Amino acid sequence: MPARNAAHGLLGRALSRCRDERATGVLHVQGSPGGAFHLLDGAVVAVESPGAPGVGTLLVRSGRIDADEWNAAHDAAATGLLPGAAIAAGGRLGTAEFQVLHMMAVQDAVFAVLAGRLDNCAFDPDAPGARPAALPQGLAPGVEPEELLVEAGRRLAALASLPRRVSPDRDRVTAVGPPAWADEPLAPVRRAILGCANGRRSPRDIAFLIGRGVYTITVEVARMCAEGLVETVPAPQSPPVADPAAPVADPAPPPPEPFAPAPAEPAGPAAPRPPLAPREDLADPGPDRHPPEWEPGEAPGAAQAAEGLPRREPGASGIREALDAGRPQPGWKGFLRPRGRSRTDSP
């Protein structure tokens, strides 16, 4: 049973509508990796996607033709022919060989589109290159959209049934342990994968490098993971993009600075202090100014002192009377007693 998801249904409805209306143009598929379906009278004649290598990459990377020859094919495509069809028309490739490569690239691109994220579909009848010219004789004029969707679902189901699931564009492939496989007999495709598995390349990247289909490389990487030859690591997360419509929060206040003790005074003689300014009421009145005169009891602070402090009355504590009572009072005899030596003292 072919695997189907929401992206599969969205793309299927868009292609079915184009087929029913026999539309000619380009159906743009927005998403990651996304792609473009070139339609001629409702049939799919070409599919391009950043997630899968096209016919040019398959031919150049495999060494079938060189880059200059492919660039010349692009120049010929300006007249309306597809680049690969121009090469086939020139006799560089056989018609059957080009048809096989072309169908491989179309099916691989549809698989890459459905294996990723699909956001929306938009049809453009006036897109550049929307009307390709007639293909060389013997080349199929187009493919029914339903056939492409069924084949893509079958590939997704086969990939999901493997013991190790691998994403074509999100997982990064790295070789495990020392290159002990260097002396072992390996298939050319496996040796090529191990030579490119550096922990930064995905199965899609390796497919572009060696000129193979992304589905073929993804399946082989999943099998090699199960055998312990390679391992996958998740792709690094990109930083979130700030929403320009979101309100900007006020920045947090800076933390308080630590308390710094006052600097010590330098050693040596202290600097002289500036003289204090004299009070206005004590300053020199000058020749034309007379000091204020107060009446008795009107001096500043006199009223506060008189009201705030109680007056002490003599003898209020009673201590003097107690002391005077225990002390003998001098009589008249004390006045006649001579001061100094007494009579009994010998000279």
C-alpha atoms as a PDB file:
ATOM      1  CA  MET A   1       0.000   0.000   0.000  1.00  0.00           C
ATOM      2  CA  PRO A   2       1.678   3.267  -1.040  1.00  0.00           C
ATOM      3  CA  ALA A   3       2.378   5.669   1.802  1.00  0.00           C
ATOM      4  CA  ARG A   4       0.227   8.786   1.768  1.00  0.00           C
ATOM      5  CA  ASN A   5       0.282  11.865   3.934  1.00  0.00           C
ATOM      6  CA  ALA A   6      -1.155  15.376   3.960  1.00  0.00           C
ATOM      7  CA  ALA A   7       1.460  16.591   1.473  1.00  0.00           C
ATOM      8  CA  HIS A   8       0.620  13.693  -0.830  1.00  0.00           C
ATOM      9  CA  GLY A   9      -3.057  14.636  -0.820  1.00  0.00           C
ATOM     10  CA  LEU A  10      -2.426  18.354  -1.350  1.00  0.00           C
ATOM     11  CA  LEU A  11      -0.149  17.762  -4.331  1.00  0.00           C
ATOM     12  CA  GLY A  12      -2.466  15.098  -5.749  1.00  0.00           C
ATOM     13  CA  ARG A  13      -5.466  17.453  -5.747  1.00  0.00           C
ATOM     14  CA  ALA A  14      -3.494  20.211  -7.462  1.00  0.00           C
ATOM     15  CA  LEU A  15      -2.175  17.883 -10.184  1.00  0.00           C
ATOM     16  CA  SER A  16      -5.598  16.317 -10.733  1.00  0.00           C
ATOM     17  CA  ARG A  17      -7.154  19.720 -11.305  1.00  0.00           C
ATOM     18  CA  CYS A  18      -4.430  20.608 -13.830  1.00  0.00           C
ATOM     19  CA  ARG A  19      -5.004  17.301 -15.625  1.00  0.00           C
ATOM     20  CA  ASP A  20      -8.767  17.802 -15.767  1.00  0.00           C
ATOM     21  CA  GLU A  21      -8.327  21.298 -17.192  1.00  0.00           C
ATOM     22  CA  ARG A  22      -5.531  20.151 -19.553  1.00  0.00           C
ATOM     23  CA  ALA A  23      -3.465  22.997 -18.174  1.00  0.00           C
ATOM     24  CA  THR A  24      -0.101  24.044 -19.552  1.00  0.00           C
ATOM     25  CA  GLY A  25       2.263  25.908 -17.276  1.00  0.00           C
ATOM     26  CA  VAL A  26       4.248  25.422 -14.089  1.00  0.00           C
ATOM     27  CA  LEU A  27       2.850  24.188 -10.785  1.00  0.00           C
ATOM     28  CA  HIS A  28       5.050  25.644  -8.047  1.00  0.00           C
ATOM     29  CA  VAL A  29       5.213  23.580  -4.862  1.00  0.00           C
ATOM     30  CA  GLN A  30       6.205  25.669  -1.864  1.00  0.00           C
ATOM     31  CA  GLY A  31       7.911  23.951   1.045  1.00  0.00           C
ATOM     32  CA  SER A  32      11.188  22.276   1.923  1.00  0.00           C
ATOM     33  CA  PRO A  33      12.708  21.374  -0.477  1.00  0.00           C
ATOM     34  CA  GLY A  34       9.734  22.178  -2.727  1.00  0.00           C
ATOM     35  CA  GLY A  35       9.865  22.038  -6.510  1.00  0.00           C
ATOM     36  CA  ALA A  36       8.238  22.897  -9.838  1.00  0.00           C
ATOM     37  CA  PHE A  37       6.106  20.631 -12.060  1.00  0.00           C
ATOM     38  CA  HIS A  38       6.163  21.530 -15.780  1.00  0.00           C
ATOM     39  CA  LEU A  39       2.854  20.575 -17.387  1.00  0.00           C
ATOM     40  CA  LEU A  40       1.862  20.222 -21.044  1.00  0.00           C
ATOM     41  CA  ASP A  41      -1.862  19.690 -21.642  1.00  0.00           C
ATOM     42  CA  GLY A  42      -2.216  18.332 -18.106  1.00  0.00           C
ATOM     43  CA  ALA A  43       0.669  15.832 -18.356  1.00  0.00           C
ATOM     44  CA  VAL A  44       3.955  16.215 -16.447  1.00  0.00           C
ATOM     45  CA  VAL A  45       6.899  16.672 -18.804  1.00  0.00           C
ATOM     46  CA  ALA A  46       9.556  17.684 -16.236  1.00  0.00           C
ATOM     47  CA  VAL A  47       9.973  18.147 -12.470  1.00  0.00           C
ATOM     48  CA  GLU A  48      12.679  20.240 -10.842  1.00  0.00           C
ATOM     49  CA  SER A  49      13.506  20.252  -7.119  1.00  0.00           C
ATOM     50  CA  PRO A  50      16.439  21.439  -5.005  1.00  0.00           C
ATOM     51  CA  GLY A  51      16.128  18.111  -3.175  1.00  0.00           C
ATOM     52  CA  ALA A  52      17.122  15.878  -6.103  1.00  0.00           C
ATOM     53  CA  PRO A  53      19.714  16.057  -8.904  1.00  0.00           C
ATOM     54  CA  GLY A  54      18.401  16.715 -12.394  1.00  0.00           C
ATOM     55  CA  VAL A  55      19.379  15.204 -15.704  1.00  0.00           C
ATOM     56  CA  GLY A  56      22.339  17.559 -16.092  1.00  0.00           C
ATOM     57  CA  THR A  57      23.840  16.611 -12.727  1.00  0.00           C
ATOM     58  CA  LEU A  58      23.359  12.910 -13.421  1.00  0.00           C
ATOM     59  CA  LEU A  59      25.103  13.198 -16.786  1.00  0.00           C
ATOM     60  CA  VAL A  60      27.981  15.489 -15.765  1.00  0.00           C
ATOM     61  CA  ARG A  61      28.791  13.925 -12.376  1.00  0.00           C
ATOM     62  CA  SER A  62      28.729  10.415 -13.820  1.00  0.00           C
ATOM     63  CA  GLY A  63      31.155  11.469 -16.563  1.00  0.00           C
ATOM     64  CA  ARG A  64      28.713  10.738 -19.385  1.00  0.00           C
ATOM     65  CA  ILE A  65      29.170  14.266 -20.766  1.00  0.00           C
ATOM     66  CA  ASP A  66      31.238  17.257 -19.692  1.00  0.00           C
ATOM     67  CA  ALA A  67      30.021  20.570 -18.294  1.00  0.00           C
ATOM     68  CA  ASP A  68      30.681  22.507 -21.525  1.00  0.00           C
ATOM     69  CA  GLU A  69      28.463  20.173 -23.489  1.00  0.00           C
ATOM     70  CA  TRP A  70      25.678  20.586 -20.961  1.00  0.00           C
ATOM     71  CA  ASN A  71      26.007  24.383 -21.117  1.00  0.00           C
ATOM     72  CA  ALA A  72      25.683  24.196 -24.887  1.00  0.00           C
ATOM     73  CA  ALA A  73      22.525  22.152 -24.406  1.00  0.00           C
ATOM     74  CA  HIS A  74      21.150  24.943 -22.232  1.00  0.00           C
ATOM     75  CA  ASP A  75      21.786  27.411 -25.027  1.00  0.00           C
ATOM     76  CA  ALA A  76      19.882  25.151 -27.409  1.00  0.00           C
ATOM     77  CA  ALA A  77      17.051  24.920 -24.877  1.00  0.00           C
ATOM     78  CA  ALA A  78      16.413  28.628 -25.392  1.00  0.00           C
ATOM     79  CA  THR A  79      14.689  27.652 -28.624  1.00  0.00           C
ATOM     80  CA  GLY A  80      12.156  25.610 -26.643  1.00  0.00           C
ATOM     81  CA  LEU A  81      13.832  22.204 -26.348  1.00  0.00           C
ATOM     82  CA  LEU A  82      14.642  20.673 -22.986  1.00  0.00           C
ATOM     83  CA  PRO A  83      18.428  20.590 -22.368  1.00  0.00           C
ATOM     84  CA  GLY A  84      18.561  16.802 -22.261  1.00  0.00           C
ATOM     85  CA  ALA A  85      16.389  16.566 -25.363  1.00  0.00           C
ATOM     86  CA  ALA A  86      18.805  18.825 -27.211  1.00  0.00           C
ATOM     87  CA  ILE A  87      21.650  16.442 -26.408  1.00  0.00           C
ATOM     88  CA  ALA A  88      19.578  13.493 -27.579  1.00  0.00           C
ATOM     89  CA  ALA A  89      18.623  15.326 -30.768  1.00  0.00           C
ATOM     90  CA  GLY A  90      22.298  15.990 -31.485  1.00  0.00           C
ATOM     91  CA  GLY A  91      23.129  12.294 -31.356  1.00  0.00           C
ATOM     92  CA  ARG A  92      25.299  12.546 -28.236  1.00  0.00           C
ATOM     93  CA  LEU A  93      22.845  10.348 -26.348  1.00  0.00           C
ATOM     94  CA  GLY A  94      20.435   7.782 -27.596  1.00  0.00           C
ATOM     95  CA  THR A  95      16.752   8.605 -27.346  1.00  0.00           C
ATOM     96  CA  ALA A  96      16.044   5.594 -25.155  1.00  0.00           C
ATOM     97  CA  GLU A  97      18.963   6.441 -22.859  1.00  0.00           C
ATOM     98  CA  PHE A  98      17.806  10.011 -22.429  1.00  0.00           C
ATOM     99  CA  GLN A  99      14.244   8.860 -21.772  1.00  0.00           C
ATOM    100  CA  VAL A 100      15.425   6.560 -18.982  1.00  0.00           C
ATOM    101  CA  LEU A 101      17.537   9.310 -17.379  1.00  0.00           C
ATOM    102  CA  HIS A 102      14.746  11.819 -17.744  1.00  0.00           C
ATOM    103  CA  MET A 103      12.189   9.554 -16.062  1.00  0.00           C
ATOM    104  CA  MET A 104      14.652   8.760 -13.266  1.00  0.00           C
ATOM    105  CA  ALA A 105      15.144  12.470 -12.590  1.00  0.00           C
ATOM    106  CA  VAL A 106      11.386  13.153 -12.654  1.00  0.00           C
ATOM    107  CA  GLN A 107      10.523  10.339 -10.241  1.00  0.00           C
ATOM    108  CA  ASP A 108      13.418  11.232  -7.950  1.00  0.00           C
ATOM    109  CA  ALA A 109      12.282  14.859  -7.787  1.00  0.00           C
ATOM    110  CA  VAL A 110       8.696  13.870  -6.937  1.00  0.00           C
ATOM    111  CA  PHE A 111      10.015  11.596  -4.171  1.00  0.00           C
ATOM    112  CA  ALA A 112      12.139  14.441  -2.746  1.00  0.00           C
ATOM    113  CA  VAL A 113       9.163  16.839  -2.769  1.00  0.00           C
ATOM    114  CA  LEU A 114       6.879  14.415  -0.918  1.00  0.00           C
ATOM    115  CA  ALA A 115       9.597  13.307   1.533  1.00  0.00           C
ATOM    116  CA  GLY A 116       9.998  16.897   2.724  1.00  0.00           C
ATOM    117  CA  ARG A 117       7.578  19.568   3.945  1.00  0.00           C
ATOM    118  CA  LEU A 118       4.878  20.841   1.596  1.00  0.00           C
ATOM    119  CA  ASP A 119       3.183  24.138   2.413  1.00  0.00           C
ATOM    120  CA  ASN A 120       1.207  25.197  -0.651  1.00  0.00           C
ATOM    121  CA  CYS A 121       0.772  24.769  -4.426  1.00  0.00           C
ATOM    122  CA  ALA A 122       0.359  27.596  -6.944  1.00  0.00           C
ATOM    123  CA  PHE A 123      -0.135  27.245 -10.701  1.00  0.00           C
ATOM    124  CA  ASP A 124       1.393  29.797 -13.088  1.00  0.00           C
ATOM    125  CA  PRO A 125       0.356  29.488 -16.753  1.00  0.00           C
ATOM    126  CA  ASP A 126       2.657  32.333 -17.851  1.00  0.00           C
ATOM    127  CA  ALA A 127       5.887  31.173 -16.195  1.00  0.00           C
ATOM    128  CA  PRO A 128       9.066  31.262 -18.343  1.00  0.00           C
ATOM    129  CA  GLY A 129       9.574  27.956 -20.126  1.00  0.00           C
ATOM    130  CA  ALA A 130       6.017  26.866 -19.436  1.00  0.00           C
ATOM    131  CA  ARG A 131       5.551  25.623 -23.019  1.00  0.00           C
ATOM    132  CA  PRO A 132       8.331  23.197 -23.992  1.00  0.00           C
ATOM    133  CA  ALA A 133       8.561  22.321 -27.659  1.00  0.00           C
ATOM    134  CA  ALA A 134       7.884  18.872 -29.000  1.00  0.00           C
ATOM    135  CA  LEU A 135      10.362  16.276 -27.780  1.00  0.00           C
ATOM    136  CA  PRO A 136      12.380  14.086 -30.139  1.00  0.00           C
ATOM    137  CA  GLN A 137      10.555  11.233 -31.788  1.00  0.00           C
ATOM    138  CA  GLY A 138      10.202   8.214 -29.541  1.00  0.00           C
ATOM    139  CA  LEU A 139      10.319  10.221 -26.322  1.00  0.00           C
ATOM    140  CA  ALA A 140       7.158  10.063 -24.226  1.00  0.00           C
ATOM    141  CA  PRO A 141       5.227  13.345 -24.427  1.00  0.00           C
ATOM    142  CA  GLY A 142       4.534  13.360 -20.679  1.00  0.00           C
ATOM    143  CA  VAL A 143       3.596  11.328 -17.643  1.00  0.00           C
ATOM    144  CA  GLU A 144       0.219  11.100 -15.966  1.00  0.00           C
ATOM    145  CA  PRO A 145       0.340  12.773 -12.510  1.00  0.00           C
ATOM    146  CA  GLU A 146      -1.294   9.774 -10.835  1.00  0.00           C
ATOM    147  CA  GLU A 147       1.493   7.472 -12.010  1.00  0.00           C
ATOM    148  CA  LEU A 148       4.128   9.733 -10.445  1.00  0.00           C
ATOM    149  CA  LEU A 149       2.258   9.932  -7.148  1.00  0.00           C
ATOM    150  CA  VAL A 150       1.828   6.155  -6.958  1.00  0.00           C
ATOM    151  CA  GLU A 151       5.545   5.575  -7.568  1.00  0.00           C
ATOM    152  CA  ALA A 152       6.514   8.209  -4.981  1.00  0.00           C
ATOM    153  CA  GLY A 153       4.209   6.574  -2.411  1.00  0.00           C
ATOM    154  CA  ARG A 154       5.775   3.184  -3.083  1.00  0.00           C
ATOM    155  CA  ARG A 155       9.257   4.613  -2.503  1.00  0.00           C
ATOM    156  CA  LEU A 156       8.237   6.299   0.726  1.00  0.00           C
ATOM    157  CA  ALA A 157       6.722   3.045   2.001  1.00  0.00           C
ATOM    158  CA  ALA A 158       9.865   1.074   1.097  1.00  0.00           C
ATOM    159  CA  LEU A 159      12.076   3.589   2.889  1.00  0.00           C
ATOM    160  CA  ALA A 160       9.877   3.487   5.997  1.00  0.00           C
ATOM    161  CA  SER A 161      10.027  -0.321   6.142  1.00  0.00           C
ATOM    162  CA  LEU A 162      13.835  -0.412   6.550  1.00  0.00           C
ATOM    163  CA  PRO A 163      15.273  -1.108  10.041  1.00  0.00           C
ATOM    164  CA  ARG A 164      16.905   2.325  10.137  1.00  0.00           C
ATOM    165  CA  ARG A 165      14.926   5.314   8.965  1.00  0.00           C
ATOM    166  CA  VAL A 166      16.972   8.025   7.290  1.00  0.00           C
ATOM    167  CA  SER A 167      15.810  11.442   6.105  1.00  0.00           C
ATOM    168  CA  PRO A 168      17.108  12.443   2.671  1.00  0.00           C
ATOM    169  CA  ASP A 169      17.892  16.042   3.623  1.00  0.00           C
ATOM    170  CA  ARG A 170      17.786  16.310   7.446  1.00  0.00           C
ATOM    171  CA  ASP A 171      20.216  13.584   8.571  1.00  0.00           C
ATOM    172  CA  ARG A 172      23.986  13.891   8.244  1.00  0.00           C
ATOM    173  CA  VAL A 173      26.054  10.805   7.423  1.00  0.00           C
ATOM    174  CA  THR A 174      29.372   9.943   9.071  1.00  0.00           C
ATOM    175  CA  ALA A 175      31.600   6.858   8.793  1.00  0.00           C
ATOM    176  CA  VAL A 176      31.883   4.686  11.929  1.00  0.00           C
ATOM    177  CA  GLY A 177      35.312   3.920  13.427  1.00  0.00           C
ATOM    178  CA  PRO A 178      38.539   3.483  11.468  1.00  0.00           C
ATOM    179  CA  PRO A 179      38.329   2.851   7.702  1.00  0.00           C
ATOM    180  CA  ALA A 180      38.521  -0.922   8.048  1.00  0.00           C
ATOM    181  CA  TRP A 181      36.349  -1.154   4.949  1.00  0.00           C
ATOM    182  CA  ALA A 182      39.233   0.212   2.859  1.00  0.00           C
ATOM    183  CA  ASP A 183      40.555  -3.328   2.223  1.00  0.00           C
ATOM    184  CA  GLU A 184      37.157  -5.004   1.940  1.00  0.00           C
ATOM    185  CA  PRO A 185      35.312  -5.591  -1.327  1.00  0.00           C
ATOM    186  CA  LEU A 186      32.494  -3.033  -1.475  1.00  0.00           C
ATOM    187  CA  ALA A 187      30.070  -2.000  -4.174  1.00  0.00           C
ATOM    188  CA  PRO A 188      31.118   1.199  -5.998  1.00  0.00           C
ATOM    189  CA  VAL A 189      28.128   3.103  -4.661  1.00  0.00           C
ATOM    190  CA  ARG A 190      28.981   2.143  -1.060  1.00  0.00           C
ATOM    191  CA  ARG A 191      32.612   3.090  -1.477  1.00  0.00           C
ATOM    192  CA  ALA A 192      31.536   6.428  -2.910  1.00  0.00           C
ATOM    193  CA  ILE A 193      29.178   7.024   0.043  1.00  0.00           C
ATOM    194  CA  LEU A 194      31.905   6.221   2.582  1.00  0.00           C
ATOM    195  CA  GLY A 195      34.265   8.593   0.818  1.00  0.00           C
ATOM    196  CA  CYS A 196      31.735  11.440   1.166  1.00  0.00           C
ATOM    197  CA  ALA A 197      30.427  10.663   4.690  1.00  0.00           C
ATOM    198  CA  ASN A 198      32.161  13.332   6.759  1.00  0.00           C
ATOM    199  CA  GLY A 199      29.394  14.136   9.267  1.00  0.00           C
ATOM    200  CA  ARG A 200      28.313  17.279   7.410  1.00  0.00           C
ATOM    201  CA  ARG A 201      26.705  15.859   4.275  1.00  0.00           C
ATOM    202  CA  SER A 202      23.189  14.472   3.976  1.00  0.00           C
ATOM    203  CA  PRO A 203      22.132  11.685   1.554  1.00  0.00           C
ATOM    204  CA  ARG A 204      20.898  14.458  -0.742  1.00  0.00           C
ATOM    205  CA  ASP A 205      24.339  16.112  -0.712  1.00  0.00           C
ATOM    206  CA  ILE A 206      26.061  12.820  -1.478  1.00  0.00           C
ATOM    207  CA  ALA A 207      23.633  12.173  -4.356  1.00  0.00           C
ATOM    208  CA  PHE A 208      24.569  15.499  -5.934  1.00  0.00           C
ATOM    209  CA  LEU A 209      28.292  14.841  -5.458  1.00  0.00           C
ATOM    210  CA  ILE A 210      28.432  11.415  -7.083  1.00  0.00           C
ATOM    211  CA  GLY A 211      25.612  11.878  -9.629  1.00  0.00           C
ATOM    212  CA  ARG A 212      23.141   9.298  -8.321  1.00  0.00           C
ATOM    213  CA  GLY A 213      19.463   9.491  -7.434  1.00  0.00           C
ATOM    214  CA  VAL A 214      18.610  10.758  -3.962  1.00  0.00           C
ATOM    215  CA  TYR A 215      16.244   7.826  -3.352  1.00  0.00           C
ATOM    216  CA  THR A 216      18.947   5.301  -4.243  1.00  0.00           C
ATOM    217  CA  ILE A 217      21.494   6.954  -1.922  1.00  0.00           C
ATOM    218  CA  THR A 218      19.003   7.302   0.952  1.00  0.00           C
ATOM    219  CA  VAL A 219      18.083   3.600   0.822  1.00  0.00           C
ATOM    220  CA  GLU A 220      21.750   2.562   0.662  1.00  0.00           C
ATOM    221  CA  VAL A 221      22.647   4.798   3.614  1.00  0.00           C
ATOM    222  CA  ALA A 222      19.823   3.246   5.669  1.00  0.00           C
ATOM    223  CA  ARG A 223      21.128  -0.251   4.923  1.00  0.00           C
ATOM    224  CA  MET A 224      24.719   0.756   5.745  1.00  0.00           C
ATOM    225  CA  CYS A 225      23.523   2.193   9.073  1.00  0.00           C
ATOM    226  CA  ALA A 226      21.955  -1.151   9.949  1.00  0.00           C
ATOM    227  CA  GLU A 227      25.253  -2.876   9.091  1.00  0.00           C
ATOM    228  CA  GLY A 228      27.312  -0.479  11.211  1.00  0.00           C
ATOM    229  CA  LEU A 229      29.297   1.078   8.369  1.00  0.00           C
ATOM    230  CA  VAL A 230      27.908   4.588   8.782  1.00  0.00           C
ATOM    231  CA  GLU A 231      25.900   6.511  11.345  1.00  0.00           C
ATOM    232  CA  THR A 232      23.532   9.452  11.040  1.00  0.00           C
ATOM    233  CA  VAL A 233      23.514  12.583  13.176  1.00  0.00           C
ATOM    234  CA  PRO A 234      20.716  15.171  13.213  1.00  0.00           C
ATOM    235  CA  ALA A 235      21.244  18.408  11.367  1.00  0.00           C
ATOM    236  CA  PRO A 236      22.131  21.456  13.525  1.00  0.00           C
ATOM    237  CA  GLN A 237      19.140  23.542  14.534  1.00  0.00           C
ATOM    238  CA  SER A 238      18.941  26.989  13.018  1.00  0.00           C
ATOM    239  CA  PRO A 239      18.344  29.914  15.364  1.00  0.00           C
ATOM    240  CA  PRO A 240      14.747  31.043  15.633  1.00  0.00           C
ATOM    241  CA  VAL A 241      13.765  34.025  13.533  1.00  0.00           C
ATOM    242  CA  ALA A 242      12.232  36.880  15.503  1.00  0.00           C
ATOM    243  CA  ASP A 243       8.732  37.937  14.491  1.00  0.00           C
ATOM    244  CA  PRO A 244       8.900  41.594  13.327  1.00  0.00           C
ATOM    245  CA  ALA A 245       5.259  42.112  14.376  1.00  0.00           C
ATOM    246  CA  ALA A 246       5.868  40.921  17.936  1.00  0.00           C
ATOM    247  CA  PRO A 247       6.244  43.661  20.572  1.00  0.00           C
ATOM    248  CA  VAL A 248       9.759  44.294  21.725  1.00  0.00           C
ATOM    249  CA  ALA A 249      10.202  43.771  25.466  1.00  0.00           C
ATOM    250  CA  ASP A 250      12.067  46.343  27.503  1.00  0.00           C
ATOM    251  CA  PRO A 251      15.595  45.260  28.263  1.00  0.00           C
ATOM    252  CA  ALA A 252      16.238  44.107  31.796  1.00  0.00           C
ATOM    253  CA  PRO A 253      17.961  46.678  34.035  1.00  0.00           C
ATOM    254  CA  PRO A 254      21.666  46.085  34.534  1.00  0.00           C
ATOM    255  CA  PRO A 255      22.672  44.452  37.822  1.00  0.00           C
ATOM    256  CA  PRO A 256      23.796  46.839  40.576  1.00  0.00           C
ATOM    257  CA  GLU A 257      27.486  47.513  40.708  1.00  0.00           C
ATOM    258  CA  PRO A 258      29.335  46.043  43.711  1.00  0.00           C
ATOM    259  CA  PHE A 259      30.008  48.403  46.597  1.00  0.00           C
ATOM    260  CA  ALA A 260      33.424  49.970  46.293  1.00  0.00           C
ATOM    261  CA  PRO A 261      35.101  51.188  49.529  1.00  0.00           C
ATOM    262  CA  ALA A 262      36.192  54.760  49.739  1.00  0.00           C
ATOM    263  CA  PRO A 263      39.796  55.286  48.624  1.00  0.00           C
ATOM    264  CA  ALA A 264      42.312  55.516  51.439  1.00  0.00           C
ATOM    265  CA  GLU A 265      43.799  58.908  52.125  1.00  0.00           C
ATOM    266  CA  PRO A 266      47.411  59.207  51.019  1.00  0.00           C
ATOM    267  CA  ALA A 267      50.103  59.058  53.690  1.00  0.00           C
ATOM    268  CA  GLY A 268      51.694  62.355  54.789  1.00  0.00           C
ATOM    269  CA  PRO A 269      50.619  65.522  56.499  1.00  0.00           C
ATOM    270  CA  ALA A 270      46.939  66.156  56.298  1.00  0.00           C
ATOM    271  CA  ALA A 271      45.832  69.020  54.154  1.00  0.00           C
ATOM    272  CA  PRO A 272      44.610  72.059  56.128  1.00  0.00           C
ATOM    273  CA  ARG A 273      40.878  72.197  56.510  1.00  0.00           C
ATOM    274  CA  PRO A 274      39.130  75.237  55.132  1.00  0.00           C
ATOM    275  CA  PRO A 275      37.941  77.700  57.830  1.00  0.00           C
ATOM    276  CA  LEU A 276      34.343  77.498  58.789  1.00  0.00           C
ATOM    277  CA  ALA A 277      32.168  80.329  57.681  1.00  0.00           C
ATOM    278  CA  PRO A 278      31.229  82.584  60.659  1.00  0.00           C
ATOM    279  CA  ARG A 279      27.661  82.661  61.772  1.00  0.00           C
ATOM    280  CA  GLU A 280      25.744  85.669  60.726  1.00  0.00           C
ATOM    281  CA  ASP A 281      24.877  86.639  64.302  1.00  0.00           C
ATOM    282  CA  LEU A 282      28.554  86.334  65.461  1.00  0.00           C
ATOM    283  CA  ALA A 283      30.315  87.894  62.522  1.00  0.00           C
ATOM    284  CA  ASP A 284      31.946  91.291  62.644  1.00  0.00           C
ATOM    285  CA  PRO A 285      29.070  93.787  62.414  1.00  0.00           C
ATOM    286  CA  GLY A 286      31.226  96.291  60.588  1.00  0.00           C
ATOM    287  CA  PRO A 287      31.272 100.017  61.060  1.00  0.00           C
ATOM    288  CA  ASP A 288      27.722 100.594  59.818  1.00  0.00           C
ATOM    289  CA  ARG A 289      26.140  97.665  61.494  1.00  0.00           C
ATOM    290  CA  HIS A 290      25.287  97.383  65.199  1.00  0.00           C
ATOM    291  CA  PRO A 291      24.832  94.094  67.045  1.00  0.00           C
ATOM    292  CA  PRO A 292      21.269  93.331  68.016  1.00  0.00           C
ATOM    293  CA  GLU A 293      20.165  94.378  71.486  1.00  0.00           C
ATOM    294  CA  TRP A 294      17.913  92.245  73.637  1.00  0.00           C
ATOM    295  CA  GLU A 295      16.054  93.008  76.765  1.00  0.00           C
ATOM    296  CA  PRO A 296      16.867  90.969  79.862  1.00  0.00           C
ATOM    297  CA  GLY A 297      15.389  87.507  79.442  1.00  0.00           C
ATOM    298  CA  GLU A 298      15.016  87.910  75.627  1.00  0.00           C
ATOM    299  CA  ALA A 299      18.359  86.479  74.585  1.00  0.00           C
ATOM    300  CA  PRO A 300      18.142  83.720  71.946  1.00  0.00           C
ATOM    301  CA  GLY A 301      17.280  80.459  73.666  1.00  0.00           C
ATOM    302  CA  ALA A 302      16.411  82.082  76.982  1.00  0.00           C
ATOM    303  CA  ALA A 303      12.714  81.373  76.693  1.00  0.00           C
ATOM    304  CA  GLN A 304      13.334  77.770  75.670  1.00  0.00           C
ATOM    305  CA  ALA A 305      15.769  77.292  78.585  1.00  0.00           C
ATOM    306  CA  ALA A 306      13.353  78.877  81.044  1.00  0.00           C
ATOM    307  CA  GLU A 307      10.432  76.777  79.871  1.00  0.00           C
ATOM    308  CA  GLY A 308      12.237  73.524  79.138  1.00  0.00           C
ATOM    309  CA  LEU A 309      14.563  73.182  82.244  1.00  0.00           C
ATOM    310  CA  PRO A 310      13.185  73.254  85.859  1.00  0.00           C
ATOM    311  CA  ARG A 311      14.866  75.488  88.426  1.00  0.00           C
ATOM    312  CA  ARG A 312      16.479  73.844  91.465  1.00  0.00           C
ATOM    313  CA  GLU A 313      15.513  75.185  94.856  1.00  0.00           C
ATOM    314  CA  PRO A 314      18.220  75.128  97.599  1.00  0.00           C
ATOM    315  CA  GLY A 315      17.661  72.408 100.172  1.00  0.00           C
ATOM    316  CA  ALA A 316      15.016  70.596  98.164  1.00  0.00           C
ATOM    317  CA  SER A 317      16.937  67.299  98.290  1.00  0.00           C
ATOM    318  CA  GLY A 318      17.389  67.351 102.146  1.00  0.00           C
ATOM    319  CA  ILE A 319      20.999  66.174 101.928  1.00  0.00           C
ATOM    320  CA  ARG A 320      22.463  69.338 103.440  1.00  0.00           C
ATOM    321  CA  GLU A 321      20.295  69.099 106.582  1.00  0.00           C
ATOM    322  CA  ALA A 322      21.340  65.478 107.130  1.00  0.00           C
ATOM    323  CA  LEU A 323      25.006  66.330 106.807  1.00  0.00           C
ATOM    324  CA  ASP A 324      24.733  69.359 109.080  1.00  0.00           C
ATOM    325  CA  ALA A 325      22.950  67.332 111.779  1.00  0.00           C
ATOM    326  CA  GLY A 326      25.781  64.769 112.168  1.00  0.00           C
ATOM    327  CA  ARG A 327      28.592  67.379 112.155  1.00  0.00           C
ATOM    328  CA  PRO A 328      29.444  69.093 115.547  1.00  0.00           C
ATOM    329  CA  GLN A 329      28.770  72.812 115.524  1.00  0.00           C
ATOM    330  CA  PRO A 330      31.691  74.958 116.534  1.00  0.00           C
ATOM    331  CA  GLY A 331      31.305  76.830 119.899  1.00  0.00           C
ATOM    332  CA  TRP A 332      33.109  79.778 121.541  1.00  0.00           C
ATOM    333  CA  LYS A 333      35.808  77.499 122.883  1.00  0.00           C
ATOM    334  CA  GLY A 334      36.977  76.640 119.485  1.00  0.00           C
ATOM    335  CA  PHE A 335      37.819  80.203 118.731  1.00  0.00           C
ATOM    336  CA  LEU A 336      40.231  80.379 121.811  1.00  0.00           C
ATOM    337  CA  ARG A 337      42.175  77.237 120.892  1.00  0.00           C
ATOM    338  CA  PRO A 338      45.532  78.230 119.426  1.00  0.00           C
ATOM    339  CA  ARG A 339      46.381  77.046 115.932  1.00  0.00           C
ATOM    340  CA  GLY A 340      49.533  75.019 115.413  1.00  0.00           C
ATOM    341  CA  ARG A 341      51.269  73.128 118.362  1.00  0.00           C
ATOM    342  CA  SER A 342      49.580  72.446 121.699  1.00  0.00           C
ATOM    343  CA  ARG A 343      51.006  73.159 125.140  1.00  0.00           C
ATOM    344  CA  THR A 344      52.041  69.627 125.819  1.00  0.00           C
ATOM    345  CA  ASP A 345      54.249  69.566 122.763  1.00  0.00           C
ATOM    346  CA  SER A 346      57.966  69.901 123.797  1.00  0.00           C
ATOM    347  CA  PRO A 347      60.060  72.412 122.038  1.00  0.00           C
END
